[in-house]
Amino acid sequence: MPSKSLSRGTLIVGCGYIGQRVAQRIVAADPMEPVYAVTRSASRADDLARQRLSPLIADWTDRRTLRTLPPCRRVLVAVSYDPRSGLSREDSQVGGLSNLLDALPRDVDLCYLSTTGVYHQSDGRWVDERSPARPLGSGGQTHLRAETLLHRRRPAGRWVVLRLAGIYGPGRIPRAADVIAGRPLSGPYAGYLNLIHREDAAAAVIAAWERETQRSRLYVVADDQPVIRRAFYEHIASLTGSPPPVFNPTAEPARSLRSGGNKRIWNRQMRRDLLPRMAYPSSLQGLPDLLA
């Protein structure tokens, strides 16, 4: 458990699509809980302040900017790689995490957001926390090295890794604009998509922090129903009154769809320990409100 000397605050490193929603949920549940949001941008800091968060301008690849982090009882690491940074994925994601761990107390409760992209399986099989992970893409490889760093640096610490499936939610629906516009969809139309709604992803983070009993170090976070790509896009077309989607399997696949993989994420452990009830157990249930 975290030491009693730590404050009640929450530190969010990477206050993007998921990190920001986690912060909003904390503020809504307890307006007295300090929520510190790390950003590199002054304009972004102003936006975060308007959301009743406490922005901190810092860059986790520059350890000097982490020297004055406020004491907090829990930390979320939800940093996405920015190719415009001029840094390699290794320097940004693994080097940044190393700098952050140097700056944090050893007993802080840390949640690291990783990806189901660490799994290499492509034959439609079910995979879970026990499945081998030999990522083929650079993003999955870097996240796996960051996970390994966390294991090595905090062998007895209180931390958890959440490997998130593809995230969707308000303003973020994979390829919806292409379907509605009638543009051909690149990449394969067979195979499975594994998805998680932003609300359930944020709820999983908070549940990971709040568990009082001994918990696993690792959870895969996905909804209950992997969906065939074609069925997913056809559902978008049906909900929006668009023509049936057209596929161009010979074109280069869209990077955001993880089109090179074909596996089904088995979320049994997440359901048991973190989210016995989900807001959106299936993306086919989550899409109607988003596309209304």
Protein backbone atom coordinates (compact mmCIF):
# COMPACT_ATOMS: atom_id res chain seq x y z
CA MET A 1 0.00 0.00 0.00
CA PRO A 2 1.17 3.59 -0.54
CA SER A 3 2.74 5.26 2.48
CA LYS A 4 0.51 7.49 4.59
CA SER A 5 2.93 10.35 4.02
CA LEU A 6 1.88 10.67 0.38
CA SER A 7 -0.77 13.25 -0.43
CA ARG A 8 -4.16 12.43 -1.87
CA GLY A 9 -3.18 13.72 -5.28
CA THR A 10 -3.22 11.96 -8.65
CA LEU A 11 -0.54 12.62 -11.25
CA ILE A 12 -1.38 11.99 -14.90
CA VAL A 13 1.53 11.83 -17.31
CA GLY A 14 0.00 11.93 -20.77
CA CYS A 15 -3.33 13.70 -20.42
CA GLY A 16 -4.68 12.75 -23.83
CA TYR A 17 -7.76 10.83 -24.90
CA ILE A 18 -7.73 8.38 -21.98
CA GLY A 19 -5.70 10.35 -19.45
CA GLN A 20 -8.01 13.34 -19.72
CA ARG A 21 -11.11 11.18 -19.22
CA VAL A 22 -9.57 9.56 -16.14
CA ALA A 23 -8.86 13.04 -14.76
CA GLN A 24 -12.43 14.16 -15.43
CA ARG A 25 -13.85 11.15 -13.62
CA ILE A 26 -11.67 11.79 -10.58
CA VAL A 27 -12.69 15.46 -10.40
CA ALA A 28 -16.37 14.55 -10.77
CA ALA A 29 -16.16 11.93 -8.02
CA ASP A 30 -14.12 14.03 -5.56
CA PRO A 31 -13.62 17.74 -6.32
CA MET A 32 -11.18 17.95 -3.40
CA GLU A 33 -8.76 15.42 -4.94
CA PRO A 34 -5.83 17.28 -6.55
CA VAL A 35 -5.29 16.09 -10.11
CA TYR A 36 -2.00 17.12 -11.70
CA ALA A 37 -1.74 16.84 -15.48
CA VAL A 38 1.68 16.87 -17.16
CA THR A 39 1.92 18.58 -20.54
CA ARG A 40 4.71 20.06 -22.65
CA SER A 41 2.48 22.82 -24.05
CA ALA A 42 1.58 26.12 -22.37
CA SER A 43 -1.60 26.41 -24.43
CA ARG A 44 -2.57 22.88 -23.47
CA ALA A 45 -1.91 23.78 -19.83
CA ASP A 46 -4.46 26.58 -20.08
CA ASP A 47 -7.03 24.17 -21.48
CA LEU A 48 -6.40 21.68 -18.66
CA ALA A 49 -6.74 24.41 -16.04
CA ARG A 50 -10.18 25.26 -17.41
CA GLN A 51 -11.14 21.65 -16.67
CA ARG A 52 -10.31 22.13 -12.97
CA LEU A 53 -7.03 20.25 -13.30
CA SER A 54 -3.63 21.42 -12.08
CA PRO A 55 -1.35 21.53 -15.15
CA LEU A 56 2.37 20.92 -14.86
CA ILE A 57 4.58 21.90 -17.79
CA ALA A 58 7.22 19.19 -18.04
CA ASP A 59 8.75 16.77 -20.52
CA TRP A 60 9.48 13.30 -19.25
CA THR A 61 12.40 12.96 -21.67
CA ASP A 62 14.09 15.85 -19.80
CA ARG A 63 14.70 14.71 -16.24
CA ARG A 64 15.38 18.28 -15.12
CA THR A 65 11.71 19.15 -15.61
CA LEU A 66 10.63 16.31 -13.29
CA ARG A 67 12.51 17.48 -10.21
CA THR A 68 9.58 19.34 -8.70
CA LEU A 69 6.75 16.88 -9.25
CA PRO A 70 4.22 17.13 -6.41
CA PRO A 71 3.91 14.18 -4.03
CA CYS A 72 0.97 12.00 -5.07
CA ARG A 73 -0.46 8.69 -3.99
CA ARG A 74 -1.07 7.45 -7.51
CA VAL A 75 0.21 8.00 -11.05
CA LEU A 76 -1.15 7.22 -14.50
CA VAL A 77 1.32 6.87 -17.38
CA ALA A 78 -0.65 7.29 -20.61
CA VAL A 79 1.92 8.81 -22.96
CA SER A 80 1.52 8.36 -26.71
CA TYR A 81 4.53 8.57 -28.98
CA ASP A 82 4.76 11.85 -30.87
CA PRO A 83 6.73 11.37 -34.12
CA ARG A 84 7.09 15.15 -34.35
CA SER A 85 9.23 15.17 -31.21
CA GLY A 86 12.42 14.31 -33.10
CA LEU A 87 13.09 11.48 -30.65
CA SER A 88 13.07 7.76 -31.27
CA ARG A 89 10.34 5.65 -29.73
CA GLU A 90 12.96 4.13 -27.44
CA ASP A 91 14.21 7.49 -26.14
CA SER A 92 10.69 8.84 -25.73
CA GLN A 93 8.75 5.92 -24.30
CA VAL A 94 11.37 3.86 -22.48
CA GLY A 95 13.78 6.68 -21.64
CA GLY A 96 10.92 8.88 -20.50
CA LEU A 97 9.53 6.18 -18.22
CA SER A 98 12.99 5.61 -16.76
CA ASN A 99 13.29 9.32 -15.94
CA LEU A 100 9.84 9.32 -14.37
CA LEU A 101 10.60 6.32 -12.18
CA ASP A 102 13.72 8.10 -10.94
CA ALA A 103 11.57 11.06 -9.92
CA LEU A 104 8.75 9.15 -8.20
CA PRO A 105 8.64 7.66 -4.70
CA ARG A 106 9.07 3.91 -4.75
CA ASP A 107 5.73 3.26 -3.03
CA VAL A 108 3.57 5.32 -5.39
CA ASP A 109 0.65 3.41 -6.98
CA LEU A 110 1.43 3.46 -10.71
CA CYS A 111 -0.74 2.42 -13.66
CA TYR A 112 0.98 2.09 -17.04
CA LEU A 113 -1.09 2.00 -20.23
CA SER A 114 0.31 -0.44 -22.76
CA THR A 115 -1.29 -2.04 -25.81
CA THR A 116 -2.61 -5.38 -27.05
CA GLY A 117 -0.33 -4.63 -30.00
CA VAL A 118 2.34 -6.52 -28.04
CA TYR A 119 0.68 -9.75 -29.18
CA HIS A 120 1.89 -11.22 -32.46
CA GLN A 121 -0.80 -13.86 -33.00
CA SER A 122 -2.50 -13.64 -36.39
CA ASP A 123 -4.57 -16.82 -36.74
CA GLY A 124 -7.69 -15.67 -34.90
CA ARG A 125 -6.85 -17.44 -31.65
CA TRP A 126 -7.84 -16.17 -28.21
CA VAL A 127 -5.05 -14.47 -26.25
CA ASP A 128 -4.88 -13.27 -22.66
CA GLU A 129 -2.34 -12.23 -20.03
CA ARG A 130 -0.62 -15.63 -20.19
CA SER A 131 -0.15 -15.64 -23.97
CA PRO A 132 3.34 -15.10 -25.41
CA ALA A 133 3.99 -11.60 -26.71
CA ARG A 134 6.44 -11.12 -29.57
CA PRO A 135 5.31 -7.84 -31.12
CA LEU A 136 5.97 -7.24 -34.77
CA GLY A 137 5.37 -3.49 -34.84
CA SER A 138 7.65 -0.84 -33.36
CA GLY A 139 4.90 0.50 -31.09
CA GLY A 140 4.23 -2.87 -29.48
CA GLN A 141 7.95 -3.57 -29.17
CA THR A 142 8.56 -0.29 -27.37
CA HIS A 143 5.66 -0.79 -24.97
CA LEU A 144 6.92 -4.27 -24.13
CA ARG A 145 10.38 -2.88 -23.35
CA ALA A 146 8.76 -0.26 -21.12
CA GLU A 147 6.84 -3.00 -19.30
CA THR A 148 10.08 -4.91 -18.81
CA LEU A 149 11.71 -1.78 -17.42
CA LEU A 150 8.91 -1.42 -14.90
CA HIS A 151 9.33 -5.03 -13.78
CA ARG A 152 13.07 -4.55 -13.39
CA ARG A 153 13.02 -1.16 -11.68
CA ARG A 154 10.09 -1.76 -9.30
CA PRO A 155 10.11 -5.50 -8.54
CA ALA A 156 8.31 -4.99 -5.22
CA GLY A 157 6.41 -1.82 -6.05
CA ARG A 158 2.68 -1.29 -6.34
CA TRP A 159 2.00 -0.98 -10.04
CA VAL A 160 -0.10 -2.49 -12.79
CA VAL A 161 0.10 -2.63 -16.60
CA LEU A 162 -3.11 -2.36 -18.63
CA ARG A 163 -2.76 -3.57 -22.22
CA LEU A 164 -5.53 -1.71 -24.01
CA ALA A 165 -7.30 -2.88 -27.14
CA GLY A 166 -8.17 -0.33 -29.82
CA ILE A 167 -9.82 2.68 -28.19
CA TYR A 168 -12.99 4.24 -29.54
CA GLY A 169 -15.43 6.79 -28.18
CA PRO A 170 -16.65 10.35 -28.75
CA GLY A 171 -14.84 11.86 -31.71
CA ARG A 172 -12.84 8.69 -32.26
CA ILE A 173 -14.40 5.89 -34.29
CA PRO A 174 -12.01 3.90 -36.52
CA ARG A 175 -12.57 4.75 -40.19
CA ALA A 176 -16.10 6.12 -39.66
CA ALA A 177 -15.37 9.17 -41.83
CA ASP A 178 -14.19 6.93 -44.67
CA VAL A 179 -17.28 4.73 -44.45
CA ILE A 180 -19.64 7.71 -44.44
CA ALA A 181 -17.81 9.33 -47.36
CA GLY A 182 -17.86 6.09 -49.35
CA ARG A 183 -14.07 5.93 -49.61
CA PRO A 184 -12.60 2.44 -50.14
CA LEU A 185 -11.15 0.97 -46.96
CA SER A 186 -7.55 -0.16 -47.19
CA GLY A 187 -6.28 -3.38 -45.75
CA PRO A 188 -8.08 -6.66 -45.05
CA TYR A 189 -11.78 -6.88 -44.24
CA ALA A 190 -11.52 -10.29 -42.58
CA GLY A 191 -10.03 -10.87 -39.16
CA TYR A 192 -10.95 -9.47 -35.78
CA LEU A 193 -10.94 -6.02 -34.26
CA ASN A 194 -10.52 -5.86 -30.48
CA LEU A 195 -11.90 -2.65 -29.05
CA ILE A 196 -12.60 -0.86 -25.77
CA HIS A 197 -14.79 2.19 -25.24
CA ARG A 198 -13.06 5.18 -23.68
CA GLU A 199 -15.42 5.09 -20.69
CA ASP A 200 -14.59 1.49 -19.88
CA ALA A 201 -10.86 2.07 -20.38
CA ALA A 202 -10.96 4.98 -17.92
CA ALA A 203 -13.02 2.93 -15.48
CA ALA A 204 -10.43 0.13 -15.66
CA VAL A 205 -7.66 2.56 -14.67
CA ILE A 206 -9.54 3.75 -11.61
CA ALA A 207 -10.54 0.21 -10.65
CA ALA A 208 -6.89 -0.87 -10.85
CA TRP A 209 -5.99 1.85 -8.35
CA GLU A 210 -8.87 1.13 -6.01
CA ARG A 211 -8.46 -2.60 -5.56
CA GLU A 212 -7.57 -3.25 -1.94
CA THR A 213 -6.60 -6.92 -2.28
CA GLN A 214 -3.49 -8.27 -3.96
CA ARG A 215 -3.85 -7.74 -7.68
CA SER A 216 -2.28 -8.97 -10.85
CA ARG A 217 0.55 -7.02 -12.42
CA LEU A 218 -1.04 -7.26 -15.86
CA TYR A 219 -4.48 -7.04 -17.42
CA VAL A 220 -5.67 -7.04 -21.00
CA VAL A 221 -8.45 -4.47 -21.38
CA ALA A 222 -10.97 -5.15 -24.14
CA ASP A 223 -14.71 -5.52 -24.46
CA ASP A 224 -16.51 -8.85 -24.51
CA GLN A 225 -16.98 -9.22 -28.24
CA PRO A 226 -14.15 -9.08 -30.78
CA VAL A 227 -15.80 -8.11 -34.05
CA ILE A 228 -15.00 -9.03 -37.63
CA ARG A 229 -13.74 -5.94 -39.46
CA ARG A 230 -16.34 -6.17 -42.21
CA ALA A 231 -19.18 -6.41 -39.67
CA PHE A 232 -17.85 -3.38 -37.78
CA TYR A 233 -17.74 -1.15 -40.86
CA GLU A 234 -21.07 -2.43 -42.13
CA HIS A 235 -22.61 -1.54 -38.77
CA ILE A 236 -21.25 2.01 -39.09
CA ALA A 237 -22.76 2.24 -42.58
CA SER A 238 -26.11 0.97 -41.35
CA LEU A 239 -26.26 3.38 -38.42
CA THR A 240 -25.39 6.38 -40.59
CA GLY A 241 -27.46 5.48 -43.63
CA SER A 242 -24.31 5.22 -45.73
CA PRO A 243 -23.71 2.84 -48.65
CA PRO A 244 -22.15 -0.52 -47.75
CA PRO A 245 -18.41 -0.17 -47.32
CA VAL A 246 -16.06 -0.94 -50.18
CA PHE A 247 -12.77 -2.68 -49.42
CA ASN A 248 -9.42 -2.49 -51.16
CA PRO A 249 -7.43 -5.33 -49.59
CA THR A 250 -4.36 -4.66 -51.73
CA ALA A 251 -3.86 -1.12 -50.44
CA GLU A 252 -1.60 -0.32 -47.52
CA PRO A 253 -3.60 -0.87 -44.31
CA ALA A 254 -4.47 1.99 -42.01
CA ARG A 255 -1.94 2.05 -39.21
CA SER A 256 -4.49 2.86 -36.49
CA LEU A 257 -6.47 -0.33 -37.09
CA ARG A 258 -3.64 -2.72 -36.17
CA SER A 259 -4.56 -4.44 -39.42
CA GLY A 260 -1.59 -6.77 -39.36
CA GLY A 261 -2.98 -8.74 -36.42
CA ASN A 262 -5.84 -11.17 -36.14
CA LYS A 263 -6.50 -12.38 -32.64
CA ARG A 264 -9.28 -12.28 -30.07
CA ILE A 265 -8.56 -10.72 -26.69
CA TRP A 266 -9.98 -12.74 -23.78
CA ASN A 267 -10.85 -10.27 -21.02
CA ARG A 268 -11.81 -12.77 -18.31
CA GLN A 269 -9.29 -11.53 -15.73
CA MET A 270 -10.25 -7.88 -16.27
CA ARG A 271 -13.93 -8.76 -15.87
CA ARG A 272 -13.25 -10.67 -12.67
CA ASP A 273 -10.99 -8.15 -10.95
CA LEU A 274 -11.66 -4.71 -12.45
CA LEU A 275 -14.88 -4.37 -14.44
CA PRO A 276 -17.53 -6.92 -13.49
CA ARG A 277 -19.97 -4.52 -15.16
CA MET A 278 -19.04 -2.65 -18.32
CA ALA A 279 -20.78 0.37 -19.80
CA TYR A 280 -20.22 -0.99 -23.32
CA PRO A 281 -19.63 -4.77 -23.42
CA SER A 282 -19.59 -4.64 -27.23
CA SER A 283 -18.61 -2.01 -29.76
CA LEU A 284 -21.84 -2.79 -31.61
CA GLN A 285 -23.63 -1.49 -28.49
CA GLY A 286 -21.32 1.49 -28.12
CA LEU A 287 -21.57 2.81 -31.68
CA PRO A 288 -25.25 3.90 -31.86
CA ASP A 289 -24.93 6.75 -29.36
CA LEU A 290 -21.67 7.92 -30.94
CA LEU A 291 -23.13 8.01 -34.44
CA ALA A 292 -26.58 9.37 -33.58
